[in-house]
Amino acid sequence: MTMTYAKSYPKILAHSLCTNMLLVPPKDLALDGSSDVNGTTIKSTDRKMTLEEWIVEGGIGRLSYAILAAQSCEEDIQEMHKTERQKIVDKYSDGKE
């Protein structure tokens, strides 16, 4: 769950790390879901570090905080999924699918 959230919802997990764990990720992390520049593949030395990579690089301590942060934002992410699923169900009910 933790690394999935770091990959799929990096801004939410980073916010949870800051507000709930008081662990502030570096400002230069790629939090937009991509670590490339302008949609192009670039050398690993030129790209921004992802939140996933930053968590792993921090060892067991940073991973532990990330696990707790992921647990604290789990309800919000589940609510997003429910809302998304309800939109799909509504489209079927309206005969648009």
Protein backbone atom coordinates (compact mmCIF):
# COMPACT_ATOMS: atom_id res chain seq x y z
CA MET A 1 0.00 0.00 0.00
CA THR A 2 2.70 2.50 0.95
CA MET A 3 4.70 2.28 -2.25
CA THR A 4 1.52 2.16 -4.33
CA TYR A 5 0.43 5.43 -2.74
CA ALA A 6 3.90 6.89 -3.26
CA LYS A 7 3.65 6.05 -6.96
CA SER A 8 -0.03 6.76 -7.64
CA TYR A 9 -0.75 9.55 -5.13
CA PRO A 10 2.62 11.17 -4.35
CA LYS A 11 1.18 14.59 -3.45
CA ILE A 12 -1.28 13.09 -0.97
CA LEU A 13 1.37 10.90 0.67
CA ALA A 14 3.89 13.76 0.77
CA HIS A 15 1.27 15.97 2.43
CA SER A 16 0.57 13.25 4.98
CA LEU A 17 4.28 12.87 5.68
CA CYS A 18 4.53 16.62 6.32
CA THR A 19 1.42 17.13 8.39
CA ASN A 20 1.13 13.87 10.29
CA MET A 21 4.73 12.69 10.61
CA LEU A 22 6.49 16.08 10.50
CA LEU A 23 8.83 14.61 7.90
CA VAL A 24 9.27 17.04 5.03
CA PRO A 25 10.29 15.54 1.68
CA PRO A 26 12.67 17.66 -0.42
CA LYS A 27 10.97 20.28 -2.58
CA ASP A 28 12.71 19.04 -5.74
CA LEU A 29 11.01 15.61 -5.75
CA ALA A 30 8.90 14.66 -8.76
CA LEU A 31 5.42 14.72 -7.19
CA ASP A 32 3.47 14.96 -10.42
CA GLY A 33 3.60 11.23 -11.07
CA SER A 34 6.49 11.41 -13.51
CA SER A 35 10.21 11.69 -13.15
CA ASP A 36 10.96 12.71 -16.69
CA VAL A 37 11.23 16.13 -18.31
CA ASN A 38 8.68 17.19 -20.95
CA GLY A 39 7.54 13.59 -21.48
CA THR A 40 10.92 12.46 -22.78
CA THR A 41 13.15 9.73 -21.47
CA ILE A 42 16.29 11.17 -19.95
CA LYS A 43 19.41 9.93 -18.21
CA SER A 44 18.89 8.94 -14.59
CA THR A 45 21.38 11.59 -13.47
CA ASP A 46 19.21 14.36 -15.00
CA ARG A 47 15.77 13.33 -13.75
CA LYS A 48 14.10 14.24 -10.49
CA MET A 49 13.91 11.66 -7.72
CA THR A 50 10.43 10.26 -7.12
CA LEU A 51 8.80 10.02 -3.71
CA GLU A 52 9.15 6.22 -3.94
CA GLU A 53 12.89 6.50 -4.46
CA TRP A 54 13.25 9.04 -1.66
CA ILE A 55 11.41 6.75 0.76
CA VAL A 56 13.55 3.72 -0.15
CA GLU A 57 16.76 5.74 0.00
CA GLY A 58 15.92 6.81 3.56
CA GLY A 59 16.10 3.30 4.94
CA ILE A 60 13.88 1.71 7.55
CA GLY A 61 13.22 4.96 9.40
CA ARG A 62 11.81 6.81 6.41
CA LEU A 63 9.91 3.72 5.28
CA SER A 64 8.34 3.41 8.74
CA TYR A 65 7.14 7.01 8.63
CA ALA A 66 5.83 6.49 5.09
CA ILE A 67 3.84 3.44 6.23
CA LEU A 68 2.22 5.45 9.01
CA ALA A 69 1.54 8.35 6.62
CA ALA A 70 -0.04 5.96 4.10
CA GLN A 71 -2.30 4.56 6.80
CA SER A 72 -3.39 8.06 7.79
CA CYS A 73 -4.43 9.00 4.23
CA GLU A 74 -5.92 5.62 3.31
CA GLU A 75 -9.49 6.71 4.06
CA ASP A 76 -9.16 9.75 1.78
CA ILE A 77 -7.82 7.65 -1.09
CA GLN A 78 -10.59 5.08 -0.62
CA GLU A 79 -13.11 7.92 -0.78
CA MET A 80 -11.59 9.07 -4.08
CA HIS A 81 -11.96 5.53 -5.44
CA LYS A 82 -15.59 5.35 -4.29
CA THR A 83 -16.37 8.67 -5.97
CA GLU A 84 -14.72 7.53 -9.19
CA ARG A 85 -16.62 4.23 -9.13
CA GLN A 86 -19.90 6.05 -8.47
CA LYS A 87 -19.35 8.19 -11.58
CA ILE A 88 -18.94 4.99 -13.62
CA VAL A 89 -22.10 3.49 -12.11
CA ASP A 90 -24.01 6.72 -12.81
CA LYS A 91 -22.97 6.60 -16.47
CA TYR A 92 -24.34 3.05 -16.73
CA SER A 93 -27.56 4.10 -15.03
CA ASP A 94 -27.98 6.99 -17.45
CA GLY A 95 -27.45 4.67 -20.41
CA LYS A 96 -24.25 6.42 -21.55
CA GLU A 97 -22.10 3.30 -21.33
